[in-house]
Amino acid sequence: MSSDTGHAKVSAVLFICAMNAIRSPMAEALARYYFEKSLYVKSAGVRRGELDPFTTSVLEEVGIHIGDFQPRTIDELVDWEGLNRSEE
């Protein structure tokens, strides 16, 4: 699908880091905050880690709450509909 400018329209974003504990959850939360429901957003890690309390604290400073976030691995994303979405 193309936009009026001729560029492809992004419909999904996947943020990857080593353990899905700091960088990728922050990126996911910020993207969800700024793009709301106009974009499928997920994050994952090569391995599963524990969510770093620093991540929660920093995001709460800017009004974003991710208290229920659970780190996940790339392998757990097989069923994520945003990755298998066909263009309409």
PDB file of N, CA and C in Angstrom:
ATOM      1  N   MET A   1       0.850  -1.169   0.000  1.00  0.00           N
ATOM      2  CA  MET A   1       0.000   0.000   0.000  1.00  0.00           C
ATOM      3  C   MET A   1       0.897   1.234   0.000  1.00  0.00           C
ATOM      4  N   SER A   2       0.551   2.236  -0.776  1.00  0.00           N
ATOM      5  CA  SER A   2       1.344   3.451  -0.865  1.00  0.00           C
ATOM      6  C   SER A   2       0.535   4.638  -0.396  1.00  0.00           C
ATOM      7  N   SER A   3       1.239   5.630   0.115  1.00  0.00           N
ATOM      8  CA  SER A   3       0.583   6.861   0.512  1.00  0.00           C
ATOM      9  C   SER A   3       0.566   7.808  -0.680  1.00  0.00           C
ATOM     10  N   ASP A   4       0.015   8.994  -0.495  1.00  0.00           N
ATOM     11  CA  ASP A   4      -0.054   9.978  -1.572  1.00  0.00           C
ATOM     12  C   ASP A   4       1.320  10.425  -2.039  1.00  0.00           C
ATOM     13  N   THR A   5       2.330  10.267  -1.210  1.00  0.00           N
ATOM     14  CA  THR A   5       3.680  10.700  -1.579  1.00  0.00           C
ATOM     15  C   THR A   5       4.433   9.637  -2.357  1.00  0.00           C
ATOM     16  N   GLY A   6       3.833   8.467  -2.539  1.00  0.00           N
ATOM     17  CA  GLY A   6       4.495   7.399  -3.270  1.00  0.00           C
ATOM     18  C   GLY A   6       5.341   6.495  -2.399  1.00  0.00           C
ATOM     19  N   HIS A   7       5.435   6.805  -1.125  1.00  0.00           N
ATOM     20  CA  HIS A   7       6.197   5.968  -0.198  1.00  0.00           C
ATOM     21  C   HIS A   7       5.287   4.904   0.404  1.00  0.00           C
ATOM     22  N   ALA A   8       5.865   3.776   0.731  1.00  0.00           N
ATOM     23  CA  ALA A   8       5.089   2.703   1.373  1.00  0.00           C
ATOM     24  C   ALA A   8       4.639   3.157   2.759  1.00  0.00           C
ATOM     25  N   LYS A   9       3.412   2.822   3.109  1.00  0.00           N
ATOM     26  CA  LYS A   9       2.876   3.156   4.424  1.00  0.00           C
ATOM     27  C   LYS A   9       3.257   2.065   5.413  1.00  0.00           C
ATOM     28  N   VAL A  10       3.835   2.447   6.522  1.00  0.00           N
ATOM     29  CA  VAL A  10       4.224   1.499   7.557  1.00  0.00           C
ATOM     30  C   VAL A  10       2.979   1.112   8.347  1.00  0.00           C
ATOM     31  N   SER A  11       2.751  -0.200   8.505  1.00  0.00           N
ATOM     32  CA  SER A  11       1.584  -0.644   9.258  1.00  0.00           C
ATOM     33  C   SER A  11       1.963  -1.399  10.528  1.00  0.00           C
ATOM     34  N   ALA A  12       3.242  -1.793  10.647  1.00  0.00           N
ATOM     35  CA  ALA A  12       3.683  -2.530  11.833  1.00  0.00           C
ATOM     36  C   ALA A  12       5.154  -2.226  12.110  1.00  0.00           C
ATOM     37  N   VAL A  13       5.489  -2.185  13.400  1.00  0.00           N
ATOM     38  CA  VAL A  13       6.875  -1.955  13.830  1.00  0.00           C
ATOM     39  C   VAL A  13       7.205  -2.976  14.905  1.00  0.00           C
ATOM     40  N   LEU A  14       8.364  -3.591  14.772  1.00  0.00           N
ATOM     41  CA  LEU A  14       8.840  -4.552  15.761  1.00  0.00           C
ATOM     42  C   LEU A  14      10.194  -4.078  16.281  1.00  0.00           C
ATOM     43  N   PHE A  15      10.284  -3.823  17.586  1.00  0.00           N
ATOM     44  CA  PHE A  15      11.535  -3.416  18.226  1.00  0.00           C
ATOM     45  C   PHE A  15      12.177  -4.642  18.859  1.00  0.00           C
ATOM     46  N   ILE A  16      13.446  -4.866  18.560  1.00  0.00           N
ATOM     47  CA  ILE A  16      14.175  -6.033  19.064  1.00  0.00           C
ATOM     48  C   ILE A  16      15.388  -5.573  19.868  1.00  0.00           C
ATOM     49  N   CYS A  17      15.625  -6.214  21.000  1.00  0.00           N
ATOM     50  CA  CYS A  17      16.876  -6.034  21.737  1.00  0.00           C
ATOM     51  C   CYS A  17      17.243  -7.378  22.369  1.00  0.00           C
ATOM     52  N   ALA A  18      18.289  -7.414  23.125  1.00  0.00           N
ATOM     53  CA  ALA A  18      18.811  -8.675  23.644  1.00  0.00           C
ATOM     54  C   ALA A  18      17.828  -9.415  24.551  1.00  0.00           C
ATOM     55  N   MET A  19      17.243  -8.716  25.527  1.00  0.00           N
ATOM     56  CA  MET A  19      16.418  -9.416  26.519  1.00  0.00           C
ATOM     57  C   MET A  19      15.027  -8.826  26.706  1.00  0.00           C
ATOM     58  N   ASN A  20      14.625  -7.873  25.884  1.00  0.00           N
ATOM     59  CA  ASN A  20      13.307  -7.256  25.975  1.00  0.00           C
ATOM     60  C   ASN A  20      13.058  -6.747  27.396  1.00  0.00           C
ATOM     61  N   ALA A  21      14.082  -6.072  27.943  1.00  0.00           N
ATOM     62  CA  ALA A  21      14.008  -5.636  29.329  1.00  0.00           C
ATOM     63  C   ALA A  21      14.134  -4.122  29.516  1.00  0.00           C
ATOM     64  N   ILE A  22      14.777  -3.416  28.577  1.00  0.00           N
ATOM     65  CA  ILE A  22      14.956  -1.971  28.729  1.00  0.00           C
ATOM     66  C   ILE A  22      14.622  -1.238  27.429  1.00  0.00           C
ATOM     67  N   ARG A  23      15.490  -1.353  26.433  1.00  0.00           N
ATOM     68  CA  ARG A  23      15.353  -0.545  25.212  1.00  0.00           C
ATOM     69  C   ARG A  23      14.096  -0.845  24.413  1.00  0.00           C
ATOM     70  N   SER A  24      13.872  -2.093  24.090  1.00  0.00           N
ATOM     71  CA  SER A  24      12.719  -2.407  23.228  1.00  0.00           C
ATOM     72  C   SER A  24      11.371  -2.175  23.923  1.00  0.00           C
ATOM     73  N   PRO A  25      11.226  -2.462  25.226  1.00  0.00           N
ATOM     74  CA  PRO A  25       9.951  -2.118  25.867  1.00  0.00           C
ATOM     75  C   PRO A  25       9.713  -0.600  25.902  1.00  0.00           C
ATOM     76  N   MET A  26      10.798   0.174  26.089  1.00  0.00           N
ATOM     77  CA  MET A  26      10.660   1.631  26.068  1.00  0.00           C
ATOM     78  C   MET A  26      10.221   2.101  24.687  1.00  0.00           C
ATOM     79  N   ALA A  27      10.850   1.565  23.661  1.00  0.00           N
ATOM     80  CA  ALA A  27      10.503   1.944  22.292  1.00  0.00           C
ATOM     81  C   ALA A  27       9.056   1.569  21.982  1.00  0.00           C
ATOM     82  N   GLU A  28       8.648   0.373  22.399  1.00  0.00           N
ATOM     83  CA  GLU A  28       7.264  -0.065  22.180  1.00  0.00           C
ATOM     84  C   GLU A  28       6.286   0.871  22.873  1.00  0.00           C
ATOM     85  N   ALA A  29       6.549   1.197  24.118  1.00  0.00           N
ATOM     86  CA  ALA A  29       5.648   2.059  24.886  1.00  0.00           C
ATOM     87  C   ALA A  29       5.558   3.454  24.271  1.00  0.00           C
ATOM     88  N   LEU A  30       6.687   4.006  23.852  1.00  0.00           N
ATOM     89  CA  LEU A  30       6.681   5.334  23.239  1.00  0.00           C
ATOM     90  C   LEU A  30       5.944   5.325  21.899  1.00  0.00           C
ATOM     91  N   ALA A  31       6.160   4.294  21.102  1.00  0.00           N
ATOM     92  CA  ALA A  31       5.466   4.200  19.816  1.00  0.00           C
ATOM     93  C   ALA A  31       3.963   4.059  20.025  1.00  0.00           C
ATOM     94  N   ARG A  32       3.567   3.239  20.996  1.00  0.00           N
ATOM     95  CA  ARG A  32       2.133   3.096  21.288  1.00  0.00           C
ATOM     96  C   ARG A  32       1.541   4.437  21.733  1.00  0.00           C
ATOM     97  N   TYR A  33       2.288   5.171  22.529  1.00  0.00           N
ATOM     98  CA  TYR A  33       1.830   6.465  23.029  1.00  0.00           C
ATOM     99  C   TYR A  33       1.636   7.456  21.878  1.00  0.00           C
ATOM    100  N   TYR A  34       2.606   7.545  20.988  1.00  0.00           N
ATOM    101  CA  TYR A  34       2.552   8.535  19.918  1.00  0.00           C
ATOM    102  C   TYR A  34       1.699   8.113  18.722  1.00  0.00           C
ATOM    103  N   PHE A  35       1.621   6.826  18.424  1.00  0.00           N
ATOM    104  CA  PHE A  35       0.884   6.376  17.249  1.00  0.00           C
ATOM    105  C   PHE A  35      -0.454   5.730  17.586  1.00  0.00           C
ATOM    106  N   GLU A  36      -0.717   5.522  18.863  1.00  0.00           N
ATOM    107  CA  GLU A  36      -1.949   4.917  19.362  1.00  0.00           C
ATOM    108  C   GLU A  36      -2.324   3.685  18.536  1.00  0.00           C
ATOM    109  N   LYS A  37      -3.495   3.651  17.955  1.00  0.00           N
ATOM    110  CA  LYS A  37      -3.960   2.456  17.250  1.00  0.00           C
ATOM    111  C   LYS A  37      -3.704   2.508  15.741  1.00  0.00           C
ATOM    112  N   SER A  38      -2.986   3.513  15.274  1.00  0.00           N
ATOM    113  CA  SER A  38      -2.742   3.629  13.835  1.00  0.00           C
ATOM    114  C   SER A  38      -1.606   2.725  13.365  1.00  0.00           C
ATOM    115  N   LEU A  39      -0.954   2.039  14.285  1.00  0.00           N
ATOM    116  CA  LEU A  39       0.218   1.234  13.966  1.00  0.00           C
ATOM    117  C   LEU A  39       0.266   0.023  14.888  1.00  0.00           C
ATOM    118  N   TYR A  40       0.530  -1.160  14.336  1.00  0.00           N
ATOM    119  CA  TYR A  40       0.776  -2.341  15.170  1.00  0.00           C
ATOM    120  C   TYR A  40       2.190  -2.214  15.720  1.00  0.00           C
ATOM    121  N   VAL A  41       2.336  -2.341  17.027  1.00  0.00           N
ATOM    122  CA  VAL A  41       3.652  -2.190  17.659  1.00  0.00           C
ATOM    123  C   VAL A  41       3.872  -3.334  18.635  1.00  0.00           C
ATOM    124  N   LYS A  42       5.040  -3.942  18.570  1.00  0.00           N
ATOM    125  CA  LYS A  42       5.450  -4.967  19.531  1.00  0.00           C
ATOM    126  C   LYS A  42       6.950  -4.838  19.750  1.00  0.00           C
ATOM    127  N   SER A  43       7.413  -5.499  20.801  1.00  0.00           N
ATOM    128  CA  SER A  43       8.846  -5.598  21.052  1.00  0.00           C
ATOM    129  C   SER A  43       9.139  -7.018  21.506  1.00  0.00           C
ATOM    130  N   ALA A  44      10.387  -7.414  21.336  1.00  0.00           N
ATOM    131  CA  ALA A  44      10.793  -8.764  21.741  1.00  0.00           C
ATOM    132  C   ALA A  44      12.298  -8.778  21.944  1.00  0.00           C
ATOM    133  N   GLY A  45      12.762  -9.846  22.549  1.00  0.00           N
ATOM    134  CA  GLY A  45      14.186 -10.023  22.760  1.00  0.00           C
ATOM    135  C   GLY A  45      14.667 -11.344  22.198  1.00  0.00           C
ATOM    136  N   VAL A  46      15.959 -11.433  21.997  1.00  0.00           N
ATOM    137  CA  VAL A  46      16.556 -12.693  21.570  1.00  0.00           C
ATOM    138  C   VAL A  46      16.356 -13.720  22.680  1.00  0.00           C
ATOM    139  N   ARG A  47      16.510 -13.251  23.927  1.00  0.00           N
ATOM    140  CA  ARG A  47      16.228 -14.065  25.114  1.00  0.00           C
ATOM    141  C   ARG A  47      15.251 -13.279  25.976  1.00  0.00           C
ATOM    142  N   ARG A  48      14.552 -13.963  26.864  1.00  0.00           N
ATOM    143  CA  ARG A  48      13.639 -13.279  27.775  1.00  0.00           C
ATOM    144  C   ARG A  48      14.396 -12.826  29.017  1.00  0.00           C
ATOM    145  N   GLY A  49      14.223 -11.579  29.367  1.00  0.00           N
ATOM    146  CA  GLY A  49      14.804 -11.041  30.583  1.00  0.00           C
ATOM    147  C   GLY A  49      13.702 -10.634  31.543  1.00  0.00           C
ATOM    148  N   GLU A  50      14.062  -9.935  32.574  1.00  0.00           N
ATOM    149  CA  GLU A  50      13.108  -9.362  33.527  1.00  0.00           C
ATOM    150  C   GLU A  50      13.030  -7.871  33.238  1.00  0.00           C
ATOM    151  N   LEU A  51      11.826  -7.318  33.220  1.00  0.00           N
ATOM    152  CA  LEU A  51      11.665  -5.892  32.977  1.00  0.00           C
ATOM    153  C   LEU A  51      12.440  -5.111  34.024  1.00  0.00           C
ATOM    154  N   ASP A  52      13.326  -4.257  33.574  1.00  0.00           N
ATOM    155  CA  ASP A  52      14.157  -3.454  34.471  1.00  0.00           C
ATOM    156  C   ASP A  52      13.301  -2.362  35.113  1.00  0.00           C
ATOM    157  N   PRO A  53      13.346  -2.200  36.434  1.00  0.00           N
ATOM    158  CA  PRO A  53      12.571  -1.148  37.105  1.00  0.00           C
ATOM    159  C   PRO A  53      12.896   0.251  36.575  1.00  0.00           C
ATOM    160  N   PHE A  54      14.104   0.432  36.073  1.00  0.00           N
ATOM    161  CA  PHE A  54      14.512   1.703  35.469  1.00  0.00           C
ATOM    162  C   PHE A  54      13.578   2.054  34.308  1.00  0.00           C
ATOM    163  N   THR A  55      13.233   1.062  33.513  1.00  0.00           N
ATOM    164  CA  THR A  55      12.350   1.269  32.366  1.00  0.00           C
ATOM    165  C   THR A  55      11.002   1.816  32.814  1.00  0.00           C
ATOM    166  N   THR A  56      10.422   1.189  33.804  1.00  0.00           N
ATOM    167  CA  THR A  56       9.131   1.624  34.330  1.00  0.00           C
ATOM    168  C   THR A  56       9.223   3.031  34.899  1.00  0.00           C
ATOM    169  N   SER A  57      10.273   3.316  35.658  1.00  0.00           N
ATOM    170  CA  SER A  57      10.449   4.636  36.280  1.00  0.00           C
ATOM    171  C   SER A  57      10.583   5.747  35.248  1.00  0.00           C
ATOM    172  N   VAL A  58      11.400   5.515  34.244  1.00  0.00           N
ATOM    173  CA  VAL A  58      11.627   6.540  33.217  1.00  0.00           C
ATOM    174  C   VAL A  58      10.338   6.828  32.450  1.00  0.00           C
ATOM    175  N   LEU A  59       9.626   5.781  32.060  1.00  0.00           N
ATOM    176  CA  LEU A  59       8.389   5.990  31.318  1.00  0.00           C
ATOM    177  C   LEU A  59       7.322   6.670  32.174  1.00  0.00           C
ATOM    178  N   GLU A  60       7.256   6.342  33.453  1.00  0.00           N
ATOM    179  CA  GLU A  60       6.287   6.985  34.333  1.00  0.00           C
ATOM    180  C   GLU A  60       6.570   8.471  34.489  1.00  0.00           C
ATOM    181  N   GLU A  61       7.835   8.873  34.379  1.00  0.00           N
ATOM    182  CA  GLU A  61       8.180  10.290  34.452  1.00  0.00           C
ATOM    183  C   GLU A  61       7.532  11.100  33.334  1.00  0.00           C
ATOM    184  N   VAL A  62       7.261  10.444  32.206  1.00  0.00           N
ATOM    185  CA  VAL A  62       6.624  11.148  31.085  1.00  0.00           C
ATOM    186  C   VAL A  62       5.160  10.739  30.923  1.00  0.00           C
ATOM    187  N   GLY A  63       4.605  10.057  31.930  1.00  0.00           N
ATOM    188  CA  GLY A  63       3.190   9.738  31.942  1.00  0.00           C
ATOM    189  C   GLY A  63       2.782   8.478  31.205  1.00  0.00           C
ATOM    190  N   ILE A  64       3.731   7.582  30.940  1.00  0.00           N
ATOM    191  CA  ILE A  64       3.425   6.322  30.261  1.00  0.00           C
ATOM    192  C   ILE A  64       3.575   5.188  31.266  1.00  0.00           C
ATOM    193  N   HIS A  65       2.526   4.387  31.420  1.00  0.00           N
ATOM    194  CA  HIS A  65       2.545   3.293  32.388  1.00  0.00           C
ATOM    195  C   HIS A  65       2.600   1.948  31.669  1.00  0.00           C
ATOM    196  N   ILE A  66       3.581   1.109  32.029  1.00  0.00           N
ATOM    197  CA  ILE A  66       3.709  -0.214  31.412  1.00  0.00           C
ATOM    198  C   ILE A  66       3.788  -1.303  32.479  1.00  0.00           C
ATOM    199  N   GLY A  67       3.090  -1.104  33.568  1.00  0.00           N
ATOM    200  CA  GLY A  67       3.143  -2.033  34.684  1.00  0.00           C
ATOM    201  C   GLY A  67       2.802  -3.472  34.350  1.00  0.00           C
ATOM    202  N   ASP A  68       1.961  -3.702  33.337  1.00  0.00           N
ATOM    203  CA  ASP A  68       1.566  -5.063  32.992  1.00  0.00           C
ATOM    204  C   ASP A  68       2.404  -5.663  31.867  1.00  0.00           C
ATOM    205  N   PHE A  69       3.453  -4.975  31.438  1.00  0.00           N
ATOM    206  CA  PHE A  69       4.299  -5.467  30.350  1.00  0.00           C
ATOM    207  C   PHE A  69       5.032  -6.745  30.771  1.00  0.00           C
ATOM    208  N   GLN A  70       5.023  -7.735  29.891  1.00  0.00           N
ATOM    209  CA  GLN A  70       5.752  -8.985  30.124  1.00  0.00           C
ATOM    210  C   GLN A  70       6.770  -9.172  29.007  1.00  0.00           C
ATOM    211  N   PRO A  71       8.071  -9.227  29.340  1.00  0.00           N
ATOM    212  CA  PRO A  71       9.073  -9.462  28.297  1.00  0.00           C
ATOM    213  C   PRO A  71       8.764 -10.746  27.528  1.00  0.00           C
ATOM    214  N   ARG A  72       9.065 -10.717  26.231  1.00  0.00           N
ATOM    215  CA  ARG A  72       8.806 -11.877  25.368  1.00  0.00           C
ATOM    216  C   ARG A  72       9.985 -12.084  24.432  1.00  0.00           C
ATOM    217  N   THR A  73      10.056 -13.284  23.891  1.00  0.00           N
ATOM    218  CA  THR A  73      11.120 -13.595  22.929  1.00  0.00           C
ATOM    219  C   THR A  73      10.574 -13.485  21.504  1.00  0.00           C
ATOM    220  N   ILE A  74      11.483 -13.448  20.567  1.00  0.00           N
ATOM    221  CA  ILE A  74      11.093 -13.397  19.155  1.00  0.00           C
ATOM    222  C   ILE A  74      10.231 -14.601  18.811  1.00  0.00           C
ATOM    223  N   ASP A  75      10.569 -15.767  19.337  1.00  0.00           N
ATOM    224  CA  ASP A  75       9.809 -16.984  19.050  1.00  0.00           C
ATOM    225  C   ASP A  75       8.345 -16.892  19.483  1.00  0.00           C
ATOM    226  N   GLU A  76       8.052 -16.078  20.477  1.00  0.00           N
ATOM    227  CA  GLU A  76       6.679 -15.945  20.972  1.00  0.00           C
ATOM    228  C   GLU A  76       5.811 -15.051  20.088  1.00  0.00           C
ATOM    229  N   LEU A  77       6.382 -14.452  19.070  1.00  0.00           N
ATOM    230  CA  LEU A  77       5.634 -13.537  18.211  1.00  0.00           C
ATOM    231  C   LEU A  77       5.012 -14.205  16.996  1.00  0.00           C
ATOM    232  N   VAL A  78       5.117 -15.503  16.872  1.00  0.00           N
ATOM    233  CA  VAL A  78       4.619 -16.214  15.696  1.00  0.00           C
ATOM    234  C   VAL A  78       3.157 -15.892  15.418  1.00  0.00           C
ATOM    235  N   ASP A  79       2.344 -15.778  16.448  1.00  0.00           N
ATOM    236  CA  ASP A  79       0.914 -15.557  16.261  1.00  0.00           C
ATOM    237  C   ASP A  79       0.512 -14.084  16.243  1.00  0.00           C
ATOM    238  N   TRP A  80       1.462 -13.176  16.293  1.00  0.00           N
ATOM    239  CA  TRP A  80       1.123 -11.753  16.301  1.00  0.00           C
ATOM    240  C   TRP A  80       0.580 -11.342  14.939  1.00  0.00           C
ATOM    241  N   GLU A  81      -0.667 -10.890  14.902  1.00  0.00           N
ATOM    242  CA  GLU A  81      -1.324 -10.584  13.642  1.00  0.00           C
ATOM    243  C   GLU A  81      -0.659  -9.447  12.872  1.00  0.00           C
ATOM    244  N   GLY A  82       0.034  -8.543  13.541  1.00  0.00           N
ATOM    245  CA  GLY A  82       0.701  -7.437  12.863  1.00  0.00           C
ATOM    246  C   GLY A  82       1.823  -7.896  11.955  1.00  0.00           C
ATOM    247  N   LEU A  83       2.442  -9.029  12.274  1.00  0.00           N
ATOM    248  CA  LEU A  83       3.538  -9.532  11.455  1.00  0.00           C
ATOM    249  C   LEU A  83       3.040 -10.289  10.237  1.00  0.00           C
ATOM    250  N   ASN A  84       1.839 -10.792  10.285  1.00  0.00           N
ATOM    251  CA  ASN A  84       1.296 -11.600   9.202  1.00  0.00           C
ATOM    252  C   ASN A  84       0.173 -10.906   8.467  1.00  0.00           C
ATOM    253  N   ARG A  85       0.123  -9.605   8.590  1.00  0.00           N
ATOM    254  CA  ARG A  85      -0.972  -8.824   8.020  1.00  0.00           C
ATOM    255  C   ARG A  85      -0.790  -8.647   6.524  1.00  0.00           C
ATOM    256  N   SER A  86      -1.792  -8.957   5.744  1.00  0.00           N
ATOM    257  CA  SER A  86      -1.716  -8.764   4.300  1.00  0.00           C
ATOM    258  C   SER A  86      -2.172  -7.357   3.956  1.00  0.00           C
ATOM    259  N   GLU A  87      -1.623  -6.799   2.915  1.00  0.00           N
ATOM    260  CA  GLU A  87      -1.991  -5.462   2.474  1.00  0.00           C
ATOM    261  C   GLU A  87      -3.370  -5.501   1.833  1.00  0.00           C
ATOM    262  N   GLU A  88      -4.157  -4.498   2.073  1.00  0.00           N
ATOM    263  CA  GLU A  88      -5.518  -4.441   1.516  1.00  0.00           C
ATOM    264  C   GLU A  88      -5.557  -3.494   0.357  1.00  0.00           C
TER     265      GLU A  88
END
